[in-house]
PDB file of N, CA and C in Angstrom:
ATOM      1  N   MET A   1      -4.864 242.922 -84.394  1.00  0.00           N
ATOM      2  CA  MET A   1      -2.921 243.346 -84.847  1.00  0.00           C
ATOM      3  C   MET A   1      -2.962 241.944 -85.841  1.00  0.00           C
ATOM      4  N   ARG A   2      -2.393 242.355 -87.041  1.00  0.00           N
ATOM      5  CA  ARG A   2      -1.340 241.306 -88.065  1.00  0.00           C
ATOM      6  C   ARG A   2      -0.269 241.041 -87.552  1.00  0.00           C
ATOM      7  N   ARG A   3       0.141 240.292 -87.423  1.00  0.00           N
ATOM      8  CA  ARG A   3       1.578 239.808 -87.275  1.00  0.00           C
ATOM      9  C   ARG A   3       2.860 239.769 -88.578  1.00  0.00           C
ATOM     10  N   LEU A   4       3.223 240.585 -88.498  1.00  0.00           N
ATOM     11  CA  LEU A   4       4.299 240.022 -90.032  1.00  0.00           C
ATOM     12  C   LEU A   4       5.365 238.406 -89.141  1.00  0.00           C
ATOM     13  N   THR A   5       4.909 237.965 -90.240  1.00  0.00           N
ATOM     14  CA  THR A   5       6.356 236.641 -90.310  1.00  0.00           C
ATOM     15  C   THR A   5       7.179 236.870 -91.181  1.00  0.00           C
ATOM     16  N   VAL A   6       8.359 236.660 -90.647  1.00  0.00           N
ATOM     17  CA  VAL A   6       9.553 236.613 -91.468  1.00  0.00           C
ATOM     18  C   VAL A   6       9.970 235.424 -91.729  1.00  0.00           C
ATOM     19  N   VAL A   7      10.554 234.840 -93.213  1.00  0.00           N
ATOM     20  CA  VAL A   7      10.685 233.373 -93.348  1.00  0.00           C
ATOM     21  C   VAL A   7      12.610 233.895 -93.639  1.00  0.00           C
ATOM     22  N   VAL A   8      13.094 232.943 -93.067  1.00  0.00           N
ATOM     23  CA  VAL A   8      14.475 233.204 -93.856  1.00  0.00           C
ATOM     24  C   VAL A   8      15.204 231.666 -94.106  1.00  0.00           C
ATOM     25  N   ARG A   9      15.515 231.954 -95.066  1.00  0.00           N
ATOM     26  CA  ARG A   9      15.922 231.023 -95.757  1.00  0.00           C
ATOM     27  C   ARG A   9      17.236 230.984 -96.260  1.00  0.00           C
ATOM     28  N   THR A  10      18.078 230.119 -95.415  1.00  0.00           N
ATOM     29  CA  THR A  10      19.698 230.345 -95.986  1.00  0.00           C
ATOM     30  C   THR A  10      19.862 229.666 -97.443  1.00  0.00           C
ATOM     31  N   VAL A  11      20.677 230.036 -98.096  1.00  0.00           N
ATOM     32  CA  VAL A  11      21.363 229.731 -99.232  1.00  0.00           C
ATOM     33  C   VAL A  11      22.390 228.793 -98.807  1.00  0.00           C
ATOM     34  N   SER A  12      22.663 227.477-100.002  1.00  0.00           N
ATOM     35  CA  SER A  12      23.343 226.628 -99.827  1.00  0.00           C
ATOM     36  C   SER A  12      25.007 227.005 -99.728  1.00  0.00           C
ATOM     37  N   PRO A  13      25.763 226.821 -99.410  1.00  0.00           N
ATOM     38  CA  PRO A  13      27.396 227.086-100.028  1.00  0.00           C
ATOM     39  C   PRO A  13      27.533 226.928-101.244  1.00  0.00           C
ATOM     40  N   LEU A  14      26.841 225.577-101.323  1.00  0.00           N
ATOM     41  CA  LEU A  14      27.183 225.179-103.467  1.00  0.00           C
ATOM     42  C   LEU A  14      26.770 226.290-103.977  1.00  0.00           C
ATOM     43  N   TRP A  15      25.256 226.631-103.657  1.00  0.00           N
ATOM     44  CA  TRP A  15      24.604 227.972-104.476  1.00  0.00           C
ATOM     45  C   TRP A  15      26.020 229.094-104.387  1.00  0.00           C
ATOM     46  N   LEU A  16      26.637 229.057-103.535  1.00  0.00           N
ATOM     47  CA  LEU A  16      27.454 230.429-103.100  1.00  0.00           C
ATOM     48  C   LEU A  16      28.322 230.401-104.066  1.00  0.00           C
ATOM     49  N   VAL A  17      29.359 228.990-104.170  1.00  0.00           N
ATOM     50  CA  VAL A  17      30.335 228.802-105.117  1.00  0.00           C
ATOM     51  C   VAL A  17      29.784 229.113-106.402  1.00  0.00           C
ATOM     52  N   LEU A  18      28.868 228.305-106.710  1.00  0.00           N
ATOM     53  CA  LEU A  18      28.434 228.180-107.998  1.00  0.00           C
ATOM     54  C   LEU A  18      28.005 229.599-108.232  1.00  0.00           C
ATOM     55  N   ALA A  19      27.429 230.851-107.868  1.00  0.00           N
ATOM     56  CA  ALA A  19      26.989 232.147-108.141  1.00  0.00           C
ATOM     57  C   ALA A  19      28.626 232.858-108.358  1.00  0.00           C
ATOM     58  N   ALA A  20      29.349 232.484-107.384  1.00  0.00           N
ATOM     59  CA  ALA A  20      30.404 233.342-107.320  1.00  0.00           C
ATOM     60  C   ALA A  20      31.461 232.710-108.751  1.00  0.00           C
ATOM     61  N   HIS A  21      31.294 231.721-108.816  1.00  0.00           N
ATOM     62  CA  HIS A  21      31.913 231.235-110.441  1.00  0.00           C
ATOM     63  C   HIS A  21      31.168 231.612-111.591  1.00  0.00           C
ATOM     64  N   ALA A  22      30.004 231.870-111.565  1.00  0.00           N
ATOM     65  CA  ALA A  22      29.423 232.569-112.435  1.00  0.00           C
ATOM     66  C   ALA A  22      29.836 233.862-112.990  1.00  0.00           C
ATOM     67  N   GLY A  23      30.274 234.556-111.653  1.00  0.00           N
ATOM     68  CA  GLY A  23      30.291 236.096-111.560  1.00  0.00           C
ATOM     69  C   GLY A  23      31.843 236.597-112.108  1.00  0.00           C
ATOM     70  N   VAL A  24      32.699 235.661-111.654  1.00  0.00           N
ATOM     71  CA  VAL A  24      34.251 235.625-112.149  1.00  0.00           C
ATOM     72  C   VAL A  24      34.049 235.288-113.377  1.00  0.00           C
ATOM     73  N   THR A  25      33.462 234.333-113.562  1.00  0.00           N
ATOM     74  CA  THR A  25      33.527 234.218-115.570  1.00  0.00           C
ATOM     75  C   THR A  25      32.844 235.016-115.957  1.00  0.00           C
ATOM     76  N   TRP A  26      32.110 235.576-115.587  1.00  0.00           N
ATOM     77  CA  TRP A  26      31.415 237.126-116.603  1.00  0.00           C
ATOM     78  C   TRP A  26      32.378 238.059-116.237  1.00  0.00           C
ATOM     79  N   ALA A  27      33.113 238.209-115.388  1.00  0.00           N
ATOM     80  CA  ALA A  27      34.041 239.315-114.907  1.00  0.00           C
ATOM     81  C   ALA A  27      35.129 239.199-116.413  1.00  0.00           C
ATOM     82  N   MET A  28      35.430 237.860-116.355  1.00  0.00           N
ATOM     83  CA  MET A  28      36.570 237.468-116.729  1.00  0.00           C
ATOM     84  C   MET A  28      36.520 237.696-118.803  1.00  0.00           C
ATOM     85  N   THR A  29      35.110 237.251-118.707  1.00  0.00           N
ATOM     86  CA  THR A  29      34.409 237.315-120.178  1.00  0.00           C
ATOM     87  C   THR A  29      34.440 239.005-120.382  1.00  0.00           C
ATOM     88  N   GLY A  30      34.305 239.970-119.518  1.00  0.00           N
ATOM     89  CA  GLY A  30      34.110 241.425-119.700  1.00  0.00           C
ATOM     90  C   GLY A  30      35.315 242.197-120.247  1.00  0.00           C
ATOM     91  N   LEU A  31      36.124 241.754-119.284  1.00  0.00           N
ATOM     92  CA  LEU A  31      37.682 242.254-118.889  1.00  0.00           C
ATOM     93  C   LEU A  31      38.305 241.740-120.712  1.00  0.00           C
ATOM     94  N   ILE A  32      38.120 240.531-121.034  1.00  0.00           N
ATOM     95  CA  ILE A  32      38.567 240.101-122.524  1.00  0.00           C
ATOM     96  C   ILE A  32      37.981 241.084-123.404  1.00  0.00           C
ATOM     97  N   TRP A  33      37.037 241.299-123.089  1.00  0.00           N
ATOM     98  CA  TRP A  33      36.226 241.501-124.217  1.00  0.00           C
ATOM     99  C   TRP A  33      36.845 243.232-124.224  1.00  0.00           C
ATOM    100  N   PHE A  34      36.606 244.012-123.170  1.00  0.00           N
ATOM    101  CA  PHE A  34      37.060 245.311-123.093  1.00  0.00           C
ATOM    102  C   PHE A  34      38.763 245.274-123.966  1.00  0.00           C
ATOM    103  N   VAL A  35      39.707 244.617-123.426  1.00  0.00           N
ATOM    104  CA  VAL A  35      40.629 244.680-123.978  1.00  0.00           C
ATOM    105  C   VAL A  35      40.935 244.431-125.075  1.00  0.00           C
ATOM    106  N   GLN A  36      40.078 243.323-126.082  1.00  0.00           N
ATOM    107  CA  GLN A  36      40.250 242.961-127.435  1.00  0.00           C
ATOM    108  C   GLN A  36      39.570 243.975-128.228  1.00  0.00           C
ATOM    109  N   VAL A  37      38.221 244.540-127.571  1.00  0.00           N
ATOM    110  CA  VAL A  37      38.007 245.982-128.564  1.00  0.00           C
ATOM    111  C   VAL A  37      38.313 247.306-128.434  1.00  0.00           C
ATOM    112  N   VAL A  38      38.986 247.794-127.154  1.00  0.00           N
ATOM    113  CA  VAL A  38      39.259 248.881-126.636  1.00  0.00           C
ATOM    114  C   VAL A  38      40.991 248.788-126.497  1.00  0.00           C
ATOM    115  N   HIS A  39      41.763 248.312-125.833  1.00  0.00           N
ATOM    116  CA  HIS A  39      43.091 247.875-125.404  1.00  0.00           C
ATOM    117  C   HIS A  39      44.134 247.752-126.555  1.00  0.00           C
ATOM    118  N   TYR A  40      43.804 246.608-127.319  1.00  0.00           N
ATOM    119  CA  TYR A  40      44.745 246.580-128.285  1.00  0.00           C
ATOM    120  C   TYR A  40      44.842 246.937-129.526  1.00  0.00           C
ATOM    121  N   PRO A  41      43.459 247.559-129.814  1.00  0.00           N
ATOM    122  CA  PRO A  41      43.554 248.925-130.797  1.00  0.00           C
ATOM    123  C   PRO A  41      44.745 249.866-130.627  1.00  0.00           C
ATOM    124  N   LEU A  42      44.422 250.018-129.224  1.00  0.00           N
ATOM    125  CA  LEU A  42      45.313 251.217-128.486  1.00  0.00           C
ATOM    126  C   LEU A  42      46.915 251.145-128.727  1.00  0.00           C
ATOM    127  N   PHE A  43      46.933 250.021-128.934  1.00  0.00           N
ATOM    128  CA  PHE A  43      48.621 249.453-129.403  1.00  0.00           C
ATOM    129  C   PHE A  43      49.195 250.384-130.410  1.00  0.00           C
ATOM    130  N   ALA A  44      47.950 250.125-131.174  1.00  0.00           N
ATOM    131  CA  ALA A  44      48.549 251.180-132.701  1.00  0.00           C
ATOM    132  C   ALA A  44      49.063 252.447-132.334  1.00  0.00           C
ATOM    133  N   ALA A  45      48.503 253.177-131.573  1.00  0.00           N
ATOM    134  CA  ALA A  45      48.379 254.873-131.248  1.00  0.00           C
ATOM    135  C   ALA A  45      49.925 254.875-130.466  1.00  0.00           C
ATOM    136  N   VAL A  46      50.711 254.214-130.028  1.00  0.00           N
ATOM    137  CA  VAL A  46      51.498 254.574-129.241  1.00  0.00           C
ATOM    138  C   VAL A  46      52.561 254.191-130.194  1.00  0.00           C
ATOM    139  N   GLY A  47      53.771 255.385-130.027  1.00  0.00           N
ATOM    140  CA  GLY A  47      55.170 255.295-131.414  1.00  0.00           C
ATOM    141  C   GLY A  47      55.938 254.362-130.762  1.00  0.00           C
ATOM    142  N   PRO A  48      56.524 253.714-131.890  1.00  0.00           N
ATOM    143  CA  PRO A  48      57.528 252.822-131.835  1.00  0.00           C
ATOM    144  C   PRO A  48      58.633 252.775-130.689  1.00  0.00           C
ATOM    145  N   SER A  49      59.031 254.237-130.343  1.00  0.00           N
ATOM    146  CA  SER A  49      60.099 254.483-129.198  1.00  0.00           C
ATOM    147  C   SER A  49      59.101 254.368-128.045  1.00  0.00           C
ATOM    148  N   ALA A  50      58.526 254.593-127.770  1.00  0.00           N
ATOM    149  CA  ALA A  50      57.614 254.689-126.289  1.00  0.00           C
ATOM    150  C   ALA A  50      57.069 252.844-126.270  1.00  0.00           C
ATOM    151  N   PHE A  51      56.436 252.331-127.266  1.00  0.00           N
ATOM    152  CA  PHE A  51      55.930 251.086-126.952  1.00  0.00           C
ATOM    153  C   PHE A  51      56.351 249.957-126.053  1.00  0.00           C
ATOM    154  N   PRO A  52      57.936 249.689-126.264  1.00  0.00           N
ATOM    155  CA  PRO A  52      58.324 248.770-125.454  1.00  0.00           C
ATOM    156  C   PRO A  52      57.816 248.956-123.655  1.00  0.00           C
ATOM    157  N   ALA A  53      58.213 250.572-123.186  1.00  0.00           N
ATOM    158  CA  ALA A  53      57.479 250.933-121.854  1.00  0.00           C
ATOM    159  C   ALA A  53      56.133 250.743-121.811  1.00  0.00           C
ATOM    160  N   TYR A  54      55.298 251.212-122.931  1.00  0.00           N
ATOM    161  CA  TYR A  54      53.935 250.831-122.567  1.00  0.00           C
ATOM    162  C   TYR A  54      53.629 249.861-122.359  1.00  0.00           C
ATOM    163  N   HIS A  55      54.572 248.724-123.388  1.00  0.00           N
ATOM    164  CA  HIS A  55      53.557 247.168-123.420  1.00  0.00           C
ATOM    165  C   HIS A  55      53.698 246.309-122.137  1.00  0.00           C
ATOM    166  N   ALA A  56      54.997 246.972-121.444  1.00  0.00           N
ATOM    167  CA  ALA A  56      55.899 246.522-120.300  1.00  0.00           C
ATOM    168  C   ALA A  56      54.836 246.869-118.992  1.00  0.00           C
ATOM    169  N   ALA A  57      54.512 248.232-119.032  1.00  0.00           N
ATOM    170  CA  ALA A  57      53.591 248.668-118.258  1.00  0.00           C
ATOM    171  C   ALA A  57      52.003 248.039-118.246  1.00  0.00           C
ATOM    172  N   HIS A  58      51.293 247.782-119.412  1.00  0.00           N
ATOM    173  CA  HIS A  58      50.230 247.069-120.177  1.00  0.00           C
ATOM    174  C   HIS A  58      50.318 245.366-119.223  1.00  0.00           C
ATOM    175  N   THR A  59      51.250 244.901-119.309  1.00  0.00           N
ATOM    176  CA  THR A  59      51.665 243.592-119.142  1.00  0.00           C
ATOM    177  C   THR A  59      51.391 243.750-117.852  1.00  0.00           C
ATOM    178  N   ARG A  60      52.006 244.460-117.317  1.00  0.00           N
ATOM    179  CA  ARG A  60      52.466 244.083-115.539  1.00  0.00           C
ATOM    180  C   ARG A  60      51.056 244.734-114.544  1.00  0.00           C
ATOM    181  N   LEU A  61      50.737 245.697-115.298  1.00  0.00           N
ATOM    182  CA  LEU A  61      48.972 245.890-114.670  1.00  0.00           C
ATOM    183  C   LEU A  61      48.241 245.036-115.179  1.00  0.00           C
ATOM    184  N   THR A  62      48.191 244.431-116.175  1.00  0.00           N
ATOM    185  CA  THR A  62      46.732 243.714-116.686  1.00  0.00           C
ATOM    186  C   THR A  62      46.725 242.596-115.765  1.00  0.00           C
ATOM    187  N   THR A  63      48.365 241.965-115.679  1.00  0.00           N
ATOM    188  CA  THR A  63      48.289 240.727-114.910  1.00  0.00           C
ATOM    189  C   THR A  63      47.854 240.676-113.334  1.00  0.00           C
ATOM    190  N   LEU A  64      47.762 242.264-112.558  1.00  0.00           N
ATOM    191  CA  LEU A  64      47.047 242.815-111.706  1.00  0.00           C
ATOM    192  C   LEU A  64      45.926 242.318-111.489  1.00  0.00           C
ATOM    193  N   VAL A  65      45.091 242.411-112.753  1.00  0.00           N
ATOM    194  CA  VAL A  65      43.690 242.473-112.995  1.00  0.00           C
ATOM    195  C   VAL A  65      42.951 240.859-113.088  1.00  0.00           C
ATOM    196  N   VAL A  66      43.768 240.449-114.296  1.00  0.00           N
ATOM    197  CA  VAL A  66      43.491 239.242-114.379  1.00  0.00           C
ATOM    198  C   VAL A  66      44.047 237.858-113.931  1.00  0.00           C
ATOM    199  N   ALA A  67      45.418 237.612-113.328  1.00  0.00           N
ATOM    200  CA  ALA A  67      45.854 236.668-112.712  1.00  0.00           C
ATOM    201  C   ALA A  67      44.638 236.489-111.361  1.00  0.00           C
ATOM    202  N   PRO A  68      44.476 237.542-110.359  1.00  0.00           N
ATOM    203  CA  PRO A  68      43.442 236.783-109.387  1.00  0.00           C
ATOM    204  C   PRO A  68      41.985 236.503-110.197  1.00  0.00           C
ATOM    205  N   LEU A  69      41.456 236.834-110.599  1.00  0.00           N
ATOM    206  CA  LEU A  69      40.362 236.647-111.680  1.00  0.00           C
ATOM    207  C   LEU A  69      40.845 235.015-112.182  1.00  0.00           C
ATOM    208  N   MET A  70      41.559 234.746-112.873  1.00  0.00           N
ATOM    209  CA  MET A  70      41.938 233.221-112.986  1.00  0.00           C
ATOM    210  C   MET A  70      42.092 232.502-111.890  1.00  0.00           C
ATOM    211  N   LEU A  71      42.742 232.678-111.246  1.00  0.00           N
ATOM    212  CA  LEU A  71      42.880 231.738-109.674  1.00  0.00           C
ATOM    213  C   LEU A  71      41.395 231.792-109.405  1.00  0.00           C
ATOM    214  N   ALA A  72      40.412 232.803-108.562  1.00  0.00           N
ATOM    215  CA  ALA A  72      39.289 232.704-108.618  1.00  0.00           C
ATOM    216  C   ALA A  72      38.703 231.885-109.251  1.00  0.00           C
ATOM    217  N   GLU A  73      38.819 231.863-110.323  1.00  0.00           N
ATOM    218  CA  GLU A  73      37.692 231.285-111.402  1.00  0.00           C
ATOM    219  C   GLU A  73      38.362 229.622-111.351  1.00  0.00           C
ATOM    220  N   ALA A  74      39.709 229.758-111.267  1.00  0.00           N
ATOM    221  CA  ALA A  74      40.165 227.796-111.019  1.00  0.00           C
ATOM    222  C   ALA A  74      39.882 227.320-109.731  1.00  0.00           C
ATOM    223  N   ALA A  75      40.118 227.791-109.003  1.00  0.00           N
ATOM    224  CA  ALA A  75      39.576 227.463-107.285  1.00  0.00           C
ATOM    225  C   ALA A  75      38.176 227.171-107.308  1.00  0.00           C
ATOM    226  N   LEU A  76      37.461 228.059-108.120  1.00  0.00           N
ATOM    227  CA  LEU A  76      35.829 228.021-107.561  1.00  0.00           C
ATOM    228  C   LEU A  76      35.349 226.627-108.601  1.00  0.00           C
ATOM    229  N   ALA A  77      36.113 226.530-110.148  1.00  0.00           N
ATOM    230  CA  ALA A  77      35.638 225.608-110.714  1.00  0.00           C
ATOM    231  C   ALA A  77      36.301 224.584-109.621  1.00  0.00           C
ATOM    232  N   LEU A  78      37.338 224.004-109.177  1.00  0.00           N
ATOM    233  CA  LEU A  78      37.665 223.002-108.528  1.00  0.00           C
ATOM    234  C   LEU A  78      36.905 222.883-107.271  1.00  0.00           C
ATOM    235  N   GLY A  79      36.010 223.760-106.794  1.00  0.00           N
ATOM    236  CA  GLY A  79      35.571 223.686-105.625  1.00  0.00           C
ATOM    237  C   GLY A  79      34.134 222.784-106.348  1.00  0.00           C
ATOM    238  N   LEU A  80      33.508 222.968-107.262  1.00  0.00           N
ATOM    239  CA  LEU A  80      32.268 222.429-107.852  1.00  0.00           C
ATOM    240  C   LEU A  80      33.051 221.108-108.369  1.00  0.00           C
ATOM    241  N   VAL A  81      34.092 220.240-108.823  1.00  0.00           N
ATOM    242  CA  VAL A  81      34.154 219.525-108.692  1.00  0.00           C
ATOM    243  C   VAL A  81      34.638 218.306-107.359  1.00  0.00           C
ATOM    244  N   VAL A  82      35.239 218.806-106.390  1.00  0.00           N
ATOM    245  CA  VAL A  82      35.175 218.416-105.279  1.00  0.00           C
ATOM    246  C   VAL A  82      33.772 218.162-104.653  1.00  0.00           C
ATOM    247  N   ALA A  83      33.086 219.129-104.992  1.00  0.00           N
ATOM    248  CA  ALA A  83      31.091 219.241-104.116  1.00  0.00           C
ATOM    249  C   ALA A  83      30.529 218.157-104.787  1.00  0.00           C
ATOM    250  N   ARG A  84      30.987 217.686-106.101  1.00  0.00           N
ATOM    251  CA  ARG A  84      30.731 216.462-106.786  1.00  0.00           C
ATOM    252  C   ARG A  84      28.983 217.110-107.061  1.00  0.00           C
ATOM    253  N   VAL A  85      28.732 218.610-107.644  1.00  0.00           N
ATOM    254  CA  VAL A  85      27.706 218.889-108.235  1.00  0.00           C
ATOM    255  C   VAL A  85      27.274 217.991-109.397  1.00  0.00           C
ATOM    256  N   GLU A  86      26.006 217.910-109.572  1.00  0.00           N
ATOM    257  CA  GLU A  86      25.227 216.636-110.882  1.00  0.00           C
ATOM    258  C   GLU A  86      24.579 218.663-111.634  1.00  0.00           C
ATOM    259  N   PRO A  87      24.575 217.932-112.590  1.00  0.00           N
ATOM    260  CA  PRO A  87      24.992 217.068-112.842  1.00  0.00           C
ATOM    261  C   PRO A  87      26.532 217.135-113.737  1.00  0.00           C
ATOM    262  N   ALA A  88      27.479 216.284-113.211  1.00  0.00           N
ATOM    263  CA  ALA A  88      29.050 216.270-113.806  1.00  0.00           C
ATOM    264  C   ALA A  88      28.912 216.330-114.561  1.00  0.00           C
ATOM    265  N   TRP A  89      28.801 216.175-116.169  1.00  0.00           N
ATOM    266  CA  TRP A  89      28.979 216.287-117.349  1.00  0.00           C
ATOM    267  C   TRP A  89      28.829 217.905-117.581  1.00  0.00           C
ATOM    268  N   ALA A  90      28.113 218.567-117.102  1.00  0.00           N
ATOM    269  CA  ALA A  90      28.245 220.082-116.875  1.00  0.00           C
ATOM    270  C   ALA A  90      29.539 220.783-116.390  1.00  0.00           C
ATOM    271  N   VAL A  91      29.620 220.255-115.085  1.00  0.00           N
ATOM    272  CA  VAL A  91      31.020 220.748-114.275  1.00  0.00           C
ATOM    273  C   VAL A  91      32.115 220.441-115.341  1.00  0.00           C
ATOM    274  N   TRP A  92      32.424 219.346-115.544  1.00  0.00           N
ATOM    275  CA  TRP A  92      33.327 218.680-116.026  1.00  0.00           C
ATOM    276  C   TRP A  92      33.630 219.282-117.540  1.00  0.00           C
ATOM    277  N   THR A  93      32.337 219.768-118.554  1.00  0.00           N
ATOM    278  CA  THR A  93      32.740 220.329-119.646  1.00  0.00           C
ATOM    279  C   THR A  93      32.879 221.956-119.382  1.00  0.00           C
ATOM    280  N   GLY A  94      32.754 222.506-117.908  1.00  0.00           N
ATOM    281  CA  GLY A  94      32.599 223.807-117.608  1.00  0.00           C
ATOM    282  C   GLY A  94      34.625 223.866-117.377  1.00  0.00           C
ATOM    283  N   VAL A  95      35.215 222.618-116.749  1.00  0.00           N
ATOM    284  CA  VAL A  95      36.512 222.325-116.077  1.00  0.00           C
ATOM    285  C   VAL A  95      37.211 222.360-117.475  1.00  0.00           C
ATOM    286  N   THR A  96      36.394 221.758-118.459  1.00  0.00           N
ATOM    287  CA  THR A  96      37.393 221.500-119.900  1.00  0.00           C
ATOM    288  C   THR A  96      37.586 222.473-120.452  1.00  0.00           C
ATOM    289  N   LEU A  97      36.442 223.383-120.852  1.00  0.00           N
ATOM    290  CA  LEU A  97      36.426 224.942-121.462  1.00  0.00           C
ATOM    291  C   LEU A  97      37.474 225.914-120.398  1.00  0.00           C
ATOM    292  N   LEU A  98      37.661 225.598-118.900  1.00  0.00           N
ATOM    293  CA  LEU A  98      38.494 226.797-118.324  1.00  0.00           C
ATOM    294  C   LEU A  98      40.079 226.080-118.975  1.00  0.00           C
ATOM    295  N   GLY A  99      40.458 224.426-118.563  1.00  0.00           N
ATOM    296  CA  GLY A  99      41.420 224.633-119.169  1.00  0.00           C
ATOM    297  C   GLY A  99      42.141 224.837-120.600  1.00  0.00           C
ATOM    298  N   ALA A 100      40.857 224.506-121.832  1.00  0.00           N
ATOM    299  CA  ALA A 100      41.075 225.058-122.749  1.00  0.00           C
ATOM    300  C   ALA A 100      41.485 226.628-122.909  1.00  0.00           C
ATOM    301  N   VAL A 101      41.043 227.733-122.242  1.00  0.00           N
ATOM    302  CA  VAL A 101      41.229 228.864-122.254  1.00  0.00           C
ATOM    303  C   VAL A 101      42.149 228.847-121.308  1.00  0.00           C
ATOM    304  N   TRP A 102      42.851 228.295-120.639  1.00  0.00           N
ATOM    305  CA  TRP A 102      44.465 228.239-119.879  1.00  0.00           C
ATOM    306  C   TRP A 102      45.485 228.051-120.583  1.00  0.00           C
ATOM    307  N   LEU A 103      45.089 227.126-121.231  1.00  0.00           N
ATOM    308  CA  LEU A 103      46.098 226.439-122.690  1.00  0.00           C
ATOM    309  C   LEU A 103      46.054 227.779-123.827  1.00  0.00           C
ATOM    310  N   ALA A 104      45.109 228.099-123.491  1.00  0.00           N
ATOM    311  CA  ALA A 104      45.570 229.539-125.049  1.00  0.00           C
ATOM    312  C   ALA A 104      45.818 230.614-123.936  1.00  0.00           C
ATOM    313  N   THR A 105      46.081 230.766-123.168  1.00  0.00           N
ATOM    314  CA  THR A 105      46.374 231.828-122.394  1.00  0.00           C
ATOM    315  C   THR A 105      48.009 231.746-122.462  1.00  0.00           C
ATOM    316  N   PHE A 106      48.683 230.802-122.220  1.00  0.00           N
ATOM    317  CA  PHE A 106      49.663 230.431-121.598  1.00  0.00           C
ATOM    318  C   PHE A 106      50.747 229.934-122.657  1.00  0.00           C
ATOM    319  N   GLY A 107      49.746 229.359-123.680  1.00  0.00           N
ATOM    320  CA  GLY A 107      50.550 228.893-124.824  1.00  0.00           C
ATOM    321  C   GLY A 107      50.152 229.464-126.278  1.00  0.00           C
ATOM    322  N   LEU A 108      49.259 230.473-126.186  1.00  0.00           N
ATOM    323  CA  LEU A 108      49.655 231.224-127.194  1.00  0.00           C
ATOM    324  C   LEU A 108      49.548 232.522-126.724  1.00  0.00           C
ATOM    325  N   SER A 109      48.638 233.171-125.612  1.00  0.00           N
ATOM    326  CA  SER A 109      48.938 235.054-126.082  1.00  0.00           C
ATOM    327  C   SER A 109      49.910 235.152-125.007  1.00  0.00           C
ATOM    328  N   VAL A 110      50.751 234.844-124.053  1.00  0.00           N
ATOM    329  CA  VAL A 110      51.824 235.026-123.251  1.00  0.00           C
ATOM    330  C   VAL A 110      53.088 234.986-124.191  1.00  0.00           C
ATOM    331  N   PRO A 111      53.068 234.095-125.049  1.00  0.00           N
ATOM    332  CA  PRO A 111      54.162 233.726-126.179  1.00  0.00           C
ATOM    333  C   PRO A 111      54.268 235.082-127.297  1.00  0.00           C
ATOM    334  N   ARG A 112      52.986 235.246-127.819  1.00  0.00           N
ATOM    335  CA  ARG A 112      52.996 236.173-128.627  1.00  0.00           C
ATOM    336  C   ARG A 112      52.892 237.700-127.836  1.00  0.00           C
ATOM    337  N   HIS A 113      52.620 238.212-127.094  1.00  0.00           N
ATOM    338  CA  HIS A 113      53.150 239.660-126.279  1.00  0.00           C
ATOM    339  C   HIS A 113      54.535 239.230-126.306  1.00  0.00           C
ATOM    340  N   ALA A 114      55.039 238.362-126.184  1.00  0.00           N
ATOM    341  CA  ALA A 114      56.746 238.252-125.397  1.00  0.00           C
ATOM    342  C   ALA A 114      57.380 238.548-126.545  1.00  0.00           C
ATOM    343  N   ARG A 115      56.707 238.567-128.201  1.00  0.00           N
ATOM    344  CA  ARG A 115      57.283 238.437-129.530  1.00  0.00           C
ATOM    345  C   ARG A 115      56.430 240.081-129.714  1.00  0.00           C
ATOM    346  N   LEU A 116      55.904 240.622-129.319  1.00  0.00           N
ATOM    347  CA  LEU A 116      55.243 242.017-129.525  1.00  0.00           C
ATOM    348  C   LEU A 116      56.733 243.125-130.262  1.00  0.00           C
ATOM    349  N   ASP A 117      56.698 243.406-131.500  1.00  0.00           N
ATOM    350  CA  ASP A 117      57.686 244.130-131.850  1.00  0.00           C
ATOM    351  C   ASP A 117      56.843 245.663-131.654  1.00  0.00           C
ATOM    352  N   PRO A 118      57.717 246.679-132.361  1.00  0.00           N
ATOM    353  CA  PRO A 118      57.955 247.792-131.336  1.00  0.00           C
ATOM    354  C   PRO A 118      56.395 248.563-132.187  1.00  0.00           C
ATOM    355  N   ARG A 119      56.130 248.392-133.046  1.00  0.00           N
ATOM    356  CA  ARG A 119      55.060 248.395-133.776  1.00  0.00           C
ATOM    357  C   ARG A 119      53.791 248.200-133.205  1.00  0.00           C
ATOM    358  N   GLY A 120      53.644 247.372-132.488  1.00  0.00           N
ATOM    359  CA  GLY A 120      52.313 247.395-131.863  1.00  0.00           C
ATOM    360  C   GLY A 120      51.820 245.900-132.207  1.00  0.00           C
ATOM    361  N   HIS A 121      52.639 245.265-132.734  1.00  0.00           N
ATOM    362  CA  HIS A 121      51.871 243.919-134.070  1.00  0.00           C
ATOM    363  C   HIS A 121      52.415 242.824-133.274  1.00  0.00           C
ATOM    364  N   CYS A 122      51.718 241.911-133.561  1.00  0.00           N
ATOM    365  CA  CYS A 122      52.071 240.294-132.922  1.00  0.00           C
ATOM    366  C   CYS A 122      52.542 239.646-134.588  1.00  0.00           C
ATOM    367  N   TRP A 123      53.966 239.067-134.042  1.00  0.00           N
ATOM    368  CA  TRP A 123      54.180 237.893-135.011  1.00  0.00           C
ATOM    369  C   TRP A 123      53.469 236.719-135.068  1.00  0.00           C
ATOM    370  N   PRO A 124      53.171 235.807-135.625  1.00  0.00           N
ATOM    371  CA  PRO A 124      53.253 236.487-137.438  1.00  0.00           C
ATOM    372  C   PRO A 124      51.908 237.158-137.997  1.00  0.00           C
ATOM    373  N   ARG A 125      50.922 237.248-136.789  1.00  0.00           N
ATOM    374  CA  ARG A 125      49.639 237.856-137.330  1.00  0.00           C
ATOM    375  C   ARG A 125      49.466 238.191-135.833  1.00  0.00           C
ATOM    376  N   GLY A 126      48.565 239.532-135.869  1.00  0.00           N
ATOM    377  CA  GLY A 126      48.009 240.821-135.237  1.00  0.00           C
ATOM    378  C   GLY A 126      46.863 239.761-134.641  1.00  0.00           C
ATOM    379  N   PHE A 127      46.460 240.799-133.456  1.00  0.00           N
ATOM    380  CA  PHE A 127      45.371 240.212-132.642  1.00  0.00           C
ATOM    381  C   PHE A 127      44.194 240.412-133.175  1.00  0.00           C
TER     382      PHE A 127
END
């Protein structure tokens, strides 16, 4: 009778952090693509009188989805820095790009949402 040998290999916690970071990053990419392609164009279908309430709900509900993903992505990136993952240039490039995304979010997107007019357009340019 043949014996079945099972080999159990453990996965490095570092690989779990890297995989989780990649997963969250791809989730954010998909979410942002969906919002740009589907959600923002639908702003134009909301009438001027209903738009302020619609936009307020959009902002509140979108934040519930986006904020945890952004915080997880930042925490996992910090974990990769603290763990001194090699090559360091790759980690720091990712952290720099993530910083640029946060700057664009809070420096461009959030203020533009604050200036949306009742027609669903952003001043001075649309999304």
